[in-house]
Amino acid sequence: MTEPEIPQKRPYPMQVEAGKEYHVCMCG
């Protein structure tokens, strides 16, 4: 079996707005 490829080893930056609620999925 080949080694998995990790596209990015750090969090992805994203724009957020004050007063809004955000949900994040950490699924693999």
C-alpha atoms as a PDB file:
ATOM      1  CA  MET A   1       0.000   0.000   0.000  1.00  0.00           C
ATOM      2  CA  THR A   2       1.309   3.465  -0.829  1.00  0.00           C
ATOM      3  CA  GLU A   3       1.643   6.232   1.733  1.00  0.00           C
ATOM      4  CA  PRO A   4      -1.316   8.649   1.992  1.00  0.00           C
ATOM      5  CA  GLU A   5      -0.839  12.171   0.647  1.00  0.00           C
ATOM      6  CA  ILE A   6      -1.520  15.051   3.043  1.00  0.00           C
ATOM      7  CA  PRO A   7      -2.580  18.129   1.006  1.00  0.00           C
ATOM      8  CA  GLN A   8      -1.733  20.641   3.755  1.00  0.00           C
ATOM      9  CA  LYS A   9      -0.311  20.083   7.249  1.00  0.00           C
ATOM     10  CA  ARG A  10      -1.693  23.281   8.791  1.00  0.00           C
ATOM     11  CA  PRO A  11      -5.173  24.806   9.084  1.00  0.00           C
ATOM     12  CA  TYR A  12      -6.807  26.425   6.068  1.00  0.00           C
ATOM     13  CA  PRO A  13      -7.415  30.174   6.590  1.00  0.00           C
ATOM     14  CA  MET A  14     -10.955  31.436   6.032  1.00  0.00           C
ATOM     15  CA  GLN A  15     -12.828  34.722   6.254  1.00  0.00           C
ATOM     16  CA  VAL A  16     -15.431  34.913   9.032  1.00  0.00           C
ATOM     17  CA  GLU A  17     -17.943  37.595   9.946  1.00  0.00           C
ATOM     18  CA  ALA A  18     -18.735  38.853  13.446  1.00  0.00           C
ATOM     19  CA  GLY A  19     -22.138  37.782  14.755  1.00  0.00           C
ATOM     20  CA  LYS A  20     -22.406  34.674  12.536  1.00  0.00           C
ATOM     21  CA  GLU A  21     -22.222  31.076  13.759  1.00  0.00           C
ATOM     22  CA  TYR A  22     -19.871  28.643  12.010  1.00  0.00           C
ATOM     23  CA  HIS A  23     -19.652  24.838  12.195  1.00  0.00           C
ATOM     24  CA  VAL A  24     -16.491  22.969  11.245  1.00  0.00           C
ATOM     25  CA  CYS A  25     -16.141  19.281  10.369  1.00  0.00           C
ATOM     26  CA  MET A  26     -12.794  17.668  11.246  1.00  0.00           C
ATOM     27  CA  CYS A  27     -13.648  14.432   9.402  1.00  0.00           C
ATOM     28  CA  GLY A  28     -10.785  12.540   7.828  1.00  0.00           C
END
